[in-house]
Full PDB file with SEQRES, HELIX, SHEET, SSBOND, CRYST1, ORIGX, SCALE, CONECT and MASTER records, all heavy atoms in Angstrom:
SEQRES   1 A   34  SER LYS GLY TYR GLY PHE ILE ARG ASP ALA LYS THR ARG          
SEQRES   2 A   34  ASN ASN VAL PHE PHE HIS VAL ASN ASN LEU THR TYR GLN          
SEQRES   3 A   34  ALA GLN GLU ASN ASP GLN VAL SER                              
HELIX    1 AA1 VAL A   20  ASN A   22  5                                   3    
SHEET    1 AA1 2 TYR A   4  ARG A   8  0                                        
SHEET    2 AA1 2 ASN A  15  HIS A  19 -1                                        
CRYST1    1.000    1.000    1.000  90.00  90.00  90.00 P 1           1          
ORIGX1      1.000000  0.000000  0.000000        0.00000                         
ORIGX2      0.000000  1.000000  0.000000        0.00000                         
ORIGX3      0.000000  0.000000  1.000000        0.00000                         
SCALE1      1.000000  0.000000  0.000000        0.00000                         
SCALE2      0.000000  1.000000  0.000000        0.00000                         
SCALE3      0.000000  0.000000  1.000000        0.00000                         
ATOM      1  N   SER A   1      -9.645   8.125   4.460  1.00  0.00           N  
ATOM      2  CA  SER A   1     -11.059   8.224   4.736  1.00  0.00           C  
ATOM      3  C   SER A   1     -11.835   7.078   4.155  1.00  0.00           C  
ATOM      4  O   SER A   1     -12.854   6.628   4.703  1.00  0.00           O  
ATOM      5  CB  SER A   1     -11.632   9.557   4.269  1.00  0.00           C  
ATOM      6  OG  SER A   1     -11.506   9.644   2.868  1.00  0.00           O  
ATOM      7  N   LYS A   2     -11.389   6.576   2.999  1.00  0.00           N  
ATOM      8  CA  LYS A   2     -12.054   5.453   2.331  1.00  0.00           C  
ATOM      9  C   LYS A   2     -11.417   4.084   2.663  1.00  0.00           C  
ATOM     10  O   LYS A   2     -12.004   3.081   2.431  1.00  0.00           O  
ATOM     11  CB  LYS A   2     -12.145   5.635   0.845  1.00  0.00           C  
ATOM     12  CG  LYS A   2     -13.001   6.815   0.478  1.00  0.00           C  
ATOM     13  CD  LYS A   2     -13.217   6.877  -0.999  1.00  0.00           C  
ATOM     14  CE  LYS A   2     -14.136   8.097  -1.332  1.00  0.00           C  
ATOM     15  NZ  LYS A   2     -14.374   8.247  -2.787  1.00  0.00           N  
ATOM     16  N   GLY A   3     -10.212   4.122   3.159  1.00  0.00           N  
ATOM     17  CA  GLY A   3      -9.568   2.881   3.662  1.00  0.00           C  
ATOM     18  C   GLY A   3      -8.961   1.998   2.619  1.00  0.00           C  
ATOM     19  O   GLY A   3      -8.897   0.791   2.771  1.00  0.00           O  
ATOM     20  N   TYR A   4      -8.426   2.604   1.534  1.00  0.00           N  
ATOM     21  CA  TYR A   4      -7.749   1.805   0.525  1.00  0.00           C  
ATOM     22  C   TYR A   4      -6.613   2.591  -0.071  1.00  0.00           C  
ATOM     23  O   TYR A   4      -6.482   3.761   0.160  1.00  0.00           O  
ATOM     24  CB  TYR A   4      -8.715   1.336  -0.559  1.00  0.00           C  
ATOM     25  CG  TYR A   4      -9.066   2.443  -1.545  1.00  0.00           C  
ATOM     26  CD1 TYR A   4      -8.400   2.654  -2.684  1.00  0.00           C  
ATOM     27  CD2 TYR A   4     -10.205   3.246  -1.251  1.00  0.00           C  
ATOM     28  CE1 TYR A   4      -8.759   3.660  -3.578  1.00  0.00           C  
ATOM     29  CE2 TYR A   4     -10.550   4.270  -2.147  1.00  0.00           C  
ATOM     30  CZ  TYR A   4      -9.882   4.445  -3.253  1.00  0.00           C  
ATOM     31  OH  TYR A   4     -10.200   5.455  -4.150  1.00  0.00           O  
ATOM     32  N   GLY A   5      -5.761   1.872  -0.822  1.00  0.00           N  
ATOM     33  CA  GLY A   5      -4.632   2.535  -1.450  1.00  0.00           C  
ATOM     34  C   GLY A   5      -3.990   1.624  -2.451  1.00  0.00           C  
ATOM     35  O   GLY A   5      -4.493   0.528  -2.819  1.00  0.00           O  
ATOM     36  N   PHE A   6      -2.846   2.065  -2.947  1.00  0.00           N  
ATOM     37  CA  PHE A   6      -2.110   1.327  -3.943  1.00  0.00           C  
ATOM     38  C   PHE A   6      -0.612   1.280  -3.611  1.00  0.00           C  
ATOM     39  O   PHE A   6      -0.068   2.318  -3.150  1.00  0.00           O  
ATOM     40  CB  PHE A   6      -2.247   1.903  -5.352  1.00  0.00           C  
ATOM     41  CG  PHE A   6      -3.642   1.765  -5.903  1.00  0.00           C  
ATOM     42  CD1 PHE A   6      -4.586   2.724  -5.725  1.00  0.00           C  
ATOM     43  CD2 PHE A   6      -4.025   0.598  -6.532  1.00  0.00           C  
ATOM     44  CE1 PHE A   6      -5.884   2.614  -6.225  1.00  0.00           C  
ATOM     45  CE2 PHE A   6      -5.310   0.447  -6.991  1.00  0.00           C  
ATOM     46  CZ  PHE A   6      -6.264   1.449  -6.821  1.00  0.00           C  
ATOM     47  N   ILE A   7       0.044   0.150  -3.825  1.00  0.00           N  
ATOM     48  CA  ILE A   7       1.479   0.005  -3.611  1.00  0.00           C  
ATOM     49  C   ILE A   7       2.135  -0.143  -4.959  1.00  0.00           C  
ATOM     50  O   ILE A   7       1.656  -0.979  -5.763  1.00  0.00           O  
ATOM     51  CB  ILE A   7       1.757  -1.227  -2.712  1.00  0.00           C  
ATOM     52  CG1 ILE A   7       1.147  -1.046  -1.358  1.00  0.00           C  
ATOM     53  CG2 ILE A   7       3.282  -1.378  -2.613  1.00  0.00           C  
ATOM     54  CD1 ILE A   7       1.209  -2.256  -0.506  1.00  0.00           C  
ATOM     55  N   ARG A   8       3.171   0.594  -5.246  1.00  0.00           N  
ATOM     56  CA  ARG A   8       3.890   0.402  -6.520  1.00  0.00           C  
ATOM     57  C   ARG A   8       4.999  -0.631  -6.237  1.00  0.00           C  
ATOM     58  O   ARG A   8       5.907  -0.459  -5.433  1.00  0.00           O  
ATOM     59  CB  ARG A   8       4.602   1.765  -6.880  1.00  0.00           C  
ATOM     60  CG  ARG A   8       5.569   1.695  -8.033  1.00  0.00           C  
ATOM     61  CD  ARG A   8       5.009   1.650  -9.333  1.00  0.00           C  
ATOM     62  NE  ARG A   8       4.012   2.687  -9.571  1.00  0.00           N  
ATOM     63  CZ  ARG A   8       3.866   3.417 -10.650  1.00  0.00           C  
ATOM     64  NH1 ARG A   8       4.599   3.253 -11.647  1.00  0.00           N  
ATOM     65  NH2 ARG A   8       2.874   4.257 -10.750  1.00  0.00           N  
ATOM     66  N   ASP A   9       4.811  -1.787  -6.912  1.00  0.00           N  
ATOM     67  CA  ASP A   9       5.765  -2.917  -6.730  1.00  0.00           C  
ATOM     68  C   ASP A   9       7.121  -2.501  -7.256  1.00  0.00           C  
ATOM     69  O   ASP A   9       7.216  -1.966  -8.359  1.00  0.00           O  
ATOM     70  CB  ASP A   9       5.213  -4.118  -7.492  1.00  0.00           C  
ATOM     71  CG  ASP A   9       5.957  -5.407  -7.167  1.00  0.00           C  
ATOM     72  OD1 ASP A   9       7.185  -5.394  -7.279  1.00  0.00           O  
ATOM     73  OD2 ASP A   9       5.328  -6.384  -6.775  1.00  0.00           O  
ATOM     74  N   ALA A  10       8.146  -2.781  -6.528  1.00  0.00           N  
ATOM     75  CA  ALA A  10       9.495  -2.394  -6.879  1.00  0.00           C  
ATOM     76  C   ALA A  10      10.027  -3.135  -8.094  1.00  0.00           C  
ATOM     77  O   ALA A  10      10.753  -2.593  -8.911  1.00  0.00           O  
ATOM     78  CB  ALA A  10      10.460  -2.592  -5.711  1.00  0.00           C  
ATOM     79  N   LYS A  11       9.657  -4.404  -8.236  1.00  0.00           N  
ATOM     80  CA  LYS A  11      10.160  -5.218  -9.362  1.00  0.00           C  
ATOM     81  C   LYS A  11       9.318  -4.946 -10.669  1.00  0.00           C  
ATOM     82  O   LYS A  11       9.924  -4.631 -11.721  1.00  0.00           O  
ATOM     83  CB  LYS A  11      10.063  -6.715  -9.090  1.00  0.00           C  
ATOM     84  CG  LYS A  11      11.232  -7.230  -8.345  1.00  0.00           C  
ATOM     85  CD  LYS A  11      11.104  -8.762  -8.295  1.00  0.00           C  
ATOM     86  CE  LYS A  11      12.246  -9.279  -7.397  1.00  0.00           C  
ATOM     87  NZ  LYS A  11      12.062 -10.695  -7.203  1.00  0.00           N  
ATOM     88  N   THR A  12       8.071  -5.090 -10.603  1.00  0.00           N  
ATOM     89  CA  THR A  12       7.198  -5.001 -11.794  1.00  0.00           C  
ATOM     90  C   THR A  12       6.735  -3.621 -12.128  1.00  0.00           C  
ATOM     91  O   THR A  12       6.272  -3.351 -13.238  1.00  0.00           O  
ATOM     92  CB  THR A  12       5.979  -5.888 -11.636  1.00  0.00           C  
ATOM     93  OG1 THR A  12       5.159  -5.370 -10.572  1.00  0.00           O  
ATOM     94  CG2 THR A  12       6.325  -7.349 -11.338  1.00  0.00           C  
ATOM     95  N   ARG A  13       6.883  -2.662 -11.160  1.00  0.00           N  
ATOM     96  CA  ARG A  13       6.401  -1.254 -11.320  1.00  0.00           C  
ATOM     97  C   ARG A  13       4.884  -1.186 -11.529  1.00  0.00           C  
ATOM     98  O   ARG A  13       4.380  -0.189 -11.934  1.00  0.00           O  
ATOM     99  CB  ARG A  13       7.101  -0.559 -12.516  1.00  0.00           C  
ATOM    100  CG  ARG A  13       8.629  -0.634 -12.468  1.00  0.00           C  
ATOM    101  CD  ARG A  13       9.272  -0.155 -11.248  1.00  0.00           C  
ATOM    102  NE  ARG A  13       9.126   1.247 -11.043  1.00  0.00           N  
ATOM    103  CZ  ARG A  13       9.359   1.881  -9.909  1.00  0.00           C  
ATOM    104  NH1 ARG A  13       9.753   1.198  -8.896  1.00  0.00           N  
ATOM    105  NH2 ARG A  13       9.190   3.185  -9.809  1.00  0.00           N  
ATOM    106  N   ASN A  14       4.149  -2.273 -11.245  1.00  0.00           N  
ATOM    107  CA  ASN A  14       2.678  -2.283 -11.319  1.00  0.00           C  
ATOM    108  C   ASN A  14       2.073  -1.785  -9.943  1.00  0.00           C  
ATOM    109  O   ASN A  14       2.733  -1.978  -8.910  1.00  0.00           O  
ATOM    110  CB  ASN A  14       2.140  -3.729 -11.516  1.00  0.00           C  
ATOM    111  CG  ASN A  14       2.475  -4.193 -12.901  1.00  0.00           C  
ATOM    112  OD1 ASN A  14       2.656  -3.391 -13.809  1.00  0.00           O  
ATOM    113  ND2 ASN A  14       2.633  -5.464 -13.097  1.00  0.00           N  
ATOM    114  N   ASN A  15       0.916  -1.191 -10.007  1.00  0.00           N  
ATOM    115  CA  ASN A  15       0.238  -0.795  -8.763  1.00  0.00           C  
ATOM    116  C   ASN A  15      -0.616  -1.949  -8.306  1.00  0.00           C  
ATOM    117  O   ASN A  15      -1.318  -2.592  -9.078  1.00  0.00           O  
ATOM    118  CB  ASN A  15      -0.667   0.409  -9.134  1.00  0.00           C  
ATOM    119  CG  ASN A  15       0.108   1.684  -9.149  1.00  0.00           C  
ATOM    120  OD1 ASN A  15       1.125   1.873  -8.502  1.00  0.00           O  
ATOM    121  ND2 ASN A  15      -0.400   2.586  -9.989  1.00  0.00           N  
ATOM    122  N   VAL A  16      -0.512  -2.200  -7.040  1.00  0.00           N  
ATOM    123  CA  VAL A  16      -1.266  -3.273  -6.344  1.00  0.00           C  
ATOM    124  C   VAL A  16      -2.188  -2.716  -5.340  1.00  0.00           C  
ATOM    125  O   VAL A  16      -1.780  -1.957  -4.473  1.00  0.00           O  
ATOM    126  CB  VAL A  16      -0.264  -4.341  -5.667  1.00  0.00           C  
ATOM    127  CG1 VAL A  16      -1.089  -5.472  -5.066  1.00  0.00           C  
ATOM    128  CG2 VAL A  16       0.716  -4.881  -6.692  1.00  0.00           C  
ATOM    129  N   PHE A  17      -3.481  -3.046  -5.435  1.00  0.00           N  
ATOM    130  CA  PHE A  17      -4.496  -2.535  -4.516  1.00  0.00           C  
ATOM    131  C   PHE A  17      -4.301  -3.128  -3.144  1.00  0.00           C  
ATOM    132  O   PHE A  17      -3.924  -4.283  -2.934  1.00  0.00           O  
ATOM    133  CB  PHE A  17      -5.885  -2.938  -5.060  1.00  0.00           C  
ATOM    134  CG  PHE A  17      -7.031  -2.583  -4.134  1.00  0.00           C  
ATOM    135  CD1 PHE A  17      -7.519  -1.288  -4.144  1.00  0.00           C  
ATOM    136  CD2 PHE A  17      -7.510  -3.513  -3.234  1.00  0.00           C  
ATOM    137  CE1 PHE A  17      -8.609  -0.965  -3.303  1.00  0.00           C  
ATOM    138  CE2 PHE A  17      -8.541  -3.186  -2.392  1.00  0.00           C  
ATOM    139  CZ  PHE A  17      -9.089  -1.916  -2.432  1.00  0.00           C  
ATOM    140  N   PHE A  18      -4.623  -2.298  -2.135  1.00  0.00           N  
ATOM    141  CA  PHE A  18      -4.653  -2.827  -0.788  1.00  0.00           C  
ATOM    142  C   PHE A  18      -5.762  -2.119   0.032  1.00  0.00           C  
ATOM    143  O   PHE A  18      -6.156  -1.066  -0.310  1.00  0.00           O  
ATOM    144  CB  PHE A  18      -3.315  -2.682   0.057  1.00  0.00           C  
ATOM    145  CG  PHE A  18      -3.050  -1.285   0.437  1.00  0.00           C  
ATOM    146  CD1 PHE A  18      -3.401  -0.797   1.695  1.00  0.00           C  
ATOM    147  CD2 PHE A  18      -2.254  -0.444  -0.374  1.00  0.00           C  
ATOM    148  CE1 PHE A  18      -3.107   0.484   2.095  1.00  0.00           C  
ATOM    149  CE2 PHE A  18      -1.938   0.866   0.029  1.00  0.00           C  
ATOM    150  CZ  PHE A  18      -2.330   1.325   1.261  1.00  0.00           C  
ATOM    151  N   HIS A  19      -6.290  -2.859   1.031  1.00  0.00           N  
ATOM    152  CA  HIS A  19      -7.323  -2.363   1.881  1.00  0.00           C  
ATOM    153  C   HIS A  19      -6.673  -2.097   3.279  1.00  0.00           C  
ATOM    154  O   HIS A  19      -5.750  -2.862   3.658  1.00  0.00           O  
ATOM    155  CB  HIS A  19      -8.503  -3.322   2.014  1.00  0.00           C  
ATOM    156  CG  HIS A  19      -9.691  -2.768   2.684  1.00  0.00           C  
ATOM    157  ND1 HIS A  19      -9.886  -2.854   4.044  1.00  0.00           N  
ATOM    158  CD2 HIS A  19     -10.707  -1.997   2.206  1.00  0.00           C  
ATOM    159  CE1 HIS A  19     -11.010  -2.249   4.386  1.00  0.00           C  
ATOM    160  NE2 HIS A  19     -11.530  -1.711   3.284  1.00  0.00           N  
ATOM    161  N   VAL A  20      -7.204  -1.155   4.050  1.00  0.00           N  
ATOM    162  CA  VAL A  20      -6.653  -0.809   5.347  1.00  0.00           C  
ATOM    163  C   VAL A  20      -6.640  -1.998   6.245  1.00  0.00           C  
ATOM    164  O   VAL A  20      -5.763  -2.106   7.194  1.00  0.00           O  
ATOM    165  CB  VAL A  20      -7.419   0.386   5.972  1.00  0.00           C  
ATOM    166  CG1 VAL A  20      -8.823   0.014   6.337  1.00  0.00           C  
ATOM    167  CG2 VAL A  20      -6.662   0.982   7.086  1.00  0.00           C  
ATOM    168  N   ASN A  21      -7.535  -2.948   6.045  1.00  0.00           N  
ATOM    169  CA  ASN A  21      -7.585  -4.165   6.988  1.00  0.00           C  
ATOM    170  C   ASN A  21      -6.328  -5.042   6.801  1.00  0.00           C  
ATOM    171  O   ASN A  21      -6.068  -5.872   7.657  1.00  0.00           O  
ATOM    172  CB  ASN A  21      -8.836  -4.968   6.743  1.00  0.00           C  
ATOM    173  CG  ASN A  21     -10.094  -4.260   7.184  1.00  0.00           C  
ATOM    174  OD1 ASN A  21     -10.013  -3.295   7.900  1.00  0.00           O  
ATOM    175  ND2 ASN A  21     -11.211  -4.702   6.649  1.00  0.00           N  
ATOM    176  N   ASN A  22      -5.634  -4.874   5.688  1.00  0.00           N  
ATOM    177  CA  ASN A  22      -4.412  -5.677   5.467  1.00  0.00           C  
ATOM    178  C   ASN A  22      -3.124  -5.034   5.919  1.00  0.00           C  
ATOM    179  O   ASN A  22      -2.025  -5.593   5.722  1.00  0.00           O  
ATOM    180  CB  ASN A  22      -4.303  -6.024   3.945  1.00  0.00           C  
ATOM    181  CG  ASN A  22      -5.428  -6.892   3.520  1.00  0.00           C  
ATOM    182  OD1 ASN A  22      -5.737  -7.844   4.189  1.00  0.00           O  
ATOM    183  ND2 ASN A  22      -6.028  -6.585   2.346  1.00  0.00           N  
ATOM    184  N   LEU A  23      -3.211  -3.832   6.544  1.00  0.00           N  
ATOM    185  CA  LEU A  23      -2.007  -3.201   7.098  1.00  0.00           C  
ATOM    186  C   LEU A  23      -1.728  -3.684   8.505  1.00  0.00           C  
ATOM    187  O   LEU A  23      -2.692  -3.963   9.275  1.00  0.00           O  
ATOM    188  CB  LEU A  23      -2.293  -1.686   7.171  1.00  0.00           C  
ATOM    189  CG  LEU A  23      -2.366  -0.981   5.799  1.00  0.00           C  
ATOM    190  CD1 LEU A  23      -2.895   0.471   5.988  1.00  0.00           C  
ATOM    191  CD2 LEU A  23      -1.023  -0.927   5.118  1.00  0.00           C  
ATOM    192  N   THR A  24      -0.489  -3.713   8.826  1.00  0.00           N  
ATOM    193  CA  THR A  24      -0.083  -4.162  10.177  1.00  0.00           C  
ATOM    194  C   THR A  24       0.429  -2.950  10.959  1.00  0.00           C  
ATOM    195  O   THR A  24       0.967  -3.120  12.106  1.00  0.00           O  
ATOM    196  CB  THR A  24       1.002  -5.238  10.141  1.00  0.00           C  
ATOM    197  OG1 THR A  24       2.128  -4.717   9.414  1.00  0.00           O  
ATOM    198  CG2 THR A  24       0.498  -6.496   9.494  1.00  0.00           C  
ATOM    199  N   TYR A  25       0.313  -1.738  10.438  1.00  0.00           N  
ATOM    200  CA  TYR A  25       0.791  -0.548  11.065  1.00  0.00           C  
ATOM    201  C   TYR A  25       0.039   0.680  10.527  1.00  0.00           C  
ATOM    202  O   TYR A  25      -0.774   0.538   9.567  1.00  0.00           O  
ATOM    203  CB  TYR A  25       2.340  -0.357  10.838  1.00  0.00           C  
ATOM    204  CG  TYR A  25       2.693   0.111   9.461  1.00  0.00           C  
ATOM    205  CD1 TYR A  25       3.008   1.442   9.244  1.00  0.00           C  
ATOM    206  CD2 TYR A  25       2.624  -0.752   8.394  1.00  0.00           C  
ATOM    207  CE1 TYR A  25       3.308   1.870   7.952  1.00  0.00           C  
ATOM    208  CE2 TYR A  25       2.909  -0.351   7.086  1.00  0.00           C  
ATOM    209  CZ  TYR A  25       3.272   0.968   6.865  1.00  0.00           C  
ATOM    210  OH  TYR A  25       3.548   1.398   5.636  1.00  0.00           O  
ATOM    211  N   GLN A  26       0.263   1.804  11.079  1.00  0.00           N  
ATOM    212  CA  GLN A  26      -0.345   3.110  10.627  1.00  0.00           C  
ATOM    213  C   GLN A  26       0.365   3.588   9.389  1.00  0.00           C  
ATOM    214  O   GLN A  26       1.430   4.154   9.503  1.00  0.00           O  
ATOM    215  CB  GLN A  26      -0.316   4.109  11.786  1.00  0.00           C  
ATOM    216  CG  GLN A  26      -1.234   5.281  11.653  1.00  0.00           C  
ATOM    217  CD  GLN A  26      -2.657   4.922  11.976  1.00  0.00           C  
ATOM    218  OE1 GLN A  26      -2.960   3.800  12.451  1.00  0.00           O  
ATOM    219  NE2 GLN A  26      -3.585   5.753  11.715  1.00  0.00           N  
ATOM    220  N   ALA A  27      -0.165   3.401   8.244  1.00  0.00           N  
ATOM    221  CA  ALA A  27       0.503   3.641   6.969  1.00  0.00           C  
ATOM    222  C   ALA A  27       0.353   5.109   6.500  1.00  0.00           C  
ATOM    223  O   ALA A  27      -0.607   5.836   6.845  1.00  0.00           O  
ATOM    224  CB  ALA A  27      -0.012   2.766   5.888  1.00  0.00           C  
ATOM    225  N   GLN A  28       1.298   5.553   5.685  1.00  0.00           N  
ATOM    226  CA  GLN A  28       1.283   6.826   5.018  1.00  0.00           C  
ATOM    227  C   GLN A  28       1.820   6.676   3.576  1.00  0.00           C  
ATOM    228  O   GLN A  28       2.514   5.704   3.342  1.00  0.00           O  
ATOM    229  CB  GLN A  28       2.117   7.860   5.751  1.00  0.00           C  
ATOM    230  CG  GLN A  28       1.680   8.195   7.165  1.00  0.00           C  
ATOM    231  CD  GLN A  28       2.700   9.177   7.834  1.00  0.00           C  
ATOM    232  OE1 GLN A  28       3.613   9.597   7.218  1.00  0.00           O  
ATOM    233  NE2 GLN A  28       2.355   9.516   9.088  1.00  0.00           N  
ATOM    234  N   GLU A  29       1.492   7.646   2.723  1.00  0.00           N  
ATOM    235  CA  GLU A  29       2.057   7.596   1.391  1.00  0.00           C  
ATOM    236  C   GLU A  29       3.575   7.685   1.466  1.00  0.00           C  
ATOM    237  O   GLU A  29       4.137   8.311   2.399  1.00  0.00           O  
ATOM    238  CB  GLU A  29       1.508   8.762   0.549  1.00  0.00           C  
ATOM    239  CG  GLU A  29       0.070   8.513   0.138  1.00  0.00           C  
ATOM    240  CD  GLU A  29      -0.446   9.592  -0.834  1.00  0.00           C  
ATOM    241  OE1 GLU A  29       0.335  10.371  -1.302  1.00  0.00           O  
ATOM    242  OE2 GLU A  29      -1.676   9.594  -1.052  1.00  0.00           O  
ATOM    243  N   ASN A  30       4.211   7.098   0.516  1.00  0.00           N  
ATOM    244  CA  ASN A  30       5.680   7.016   0.342  1.00  0.00           C  
ATOM    245  C   ASN A  30       6.386   6.158   1.352  1.00  0.00           C  
ATOM    246  O   ASN A  30       7.627   6.152   1.431  1.00  0.00           O  
ATOM    247  CB  ASN A  30       6.370   8.444   0.312  1.00  0.00           C  
ATOM    248  CG  ASN A  30       5.850   9.262  -0.786  1.00  0.00           C  
ATOM    249  OD1 ASN A  30       5.680   8.806  -1.903  1.00  0.00           O  
ATOM    250  ND2 ASN A  30       5.529  10.548  -0.506  1.00  0.00           N  
ATOM    251  N   ASP A  31       5.618   5.380   2.184  1.00  0.00           N  
ATOM    252  CA  ASP A  31       6.268   4.335   3.010  1.00  0.00           C  
ATOM    253  C   ASP A  31       6.789   3.218   2.199  1.00  0.00           C  
ATOM    254  O   ASP A  31       6.120   2.715   1.276  1.00  0.00           O  
ATOM    255  CB  ASP A  31       5.246   3.791   4.044  1.00  0.00           C  
ATOM    256  CG  ASP A  31       4.965   4.724   5.168  1.00  0.00           C  
ATOM    257  OD1 ASP A  31       5.640   5.790   5.259  1.00  0.00           O  
ATOM    258  OD2 ASP A  31       4.001   4.500   5.967  1.00  0.00           O  
ATOM    259  N   GLN A  32       7.990   2.762   2.528  1.00  0.00           N  
ATOM    260  CA  GLN A  32       8.511   1.500   1.885  1.00  0.00           C  
ATOM    261  C   GLN A  32       8.010   0.305   2.661  1.00  0.00           C  
ATOM    262  O   GLN A  32       8.125   0.267   3.903  1.00  0.00           O  
ATOM    263  CB  GLN A  32      10.003   1.546   1.888  1.00  0.00           C  
ATOM    264  CG  GLN A  32      10.568   2.605   0.929  1.00  0.00           C  
ATOM    265  CD  GLN A  32      12.028   2.443   0.700  1.00  0.00           C  
ATOM    266  OE1 GLN A  32      12.694   1.608   1.266  1.00  0.00           O  
ATOM    267  NE2 GLN A  32      12.592   3.312  -0.117  1.00  0.00           N  
ATOM    268  N   VAL A  33       7.364  -0.633   1.915  1.00  0.00           N  
ATOM    269  CA  VAL A  33       6.700  -1.752   2.578  1.00  0.00           C  
ATOM    270  C   VAL A  33       7.125  -3.064   1.958  1.00  0.00           C  
ATOM    271  O   VAL A  33       7.574  -3.129   0.808  1.00  0.00           O  
ATOM    272  CB  VAL A  33       5.185  -1.602   2.535  1.00  0.00           C  
ATOM    273  CG1 VAL A  33       4.708  -0.396   3.335  1.00  0.00           C  
ATOM    274  CG2 VAL A  33       4.686  -1.492   1.075  1.00  0.00           C  
ATOM    275  N   SER A  34       6.867  -4.124   2.712  1.00  0.00           N  
ATOM    276  CA  SER A  34       6.898  -5.481   2.243  1.00  0.00           C  
ATOM    277  C   SER A  34       5.499  -6.062   2.309  1.00  0.00           C  
ATOM    278  O   SER A  34       4.734  -5.717   3.203  1.00  0.00           O  
ATOM    279  CB  SER A  34       7.834  -6.383   3.154  1.00  0.00           C  
ATOM    280  OG  SER A  34       9.147  -5.925   3.004  1.00  0.00           O  
TER     281      SER A  34                                                      
MASTER        0    0    0    1    2    0    0    6  280    1    0    3          
END                                                                             
């Protein structure tokens, strides 16, 4: 609803912010992404 989220980086284990405009597909939680 707000159009943002966080990705847990596999190497650093840090959370990285993302905005819905930077997605190339319909995302959901627990999706594995590059």
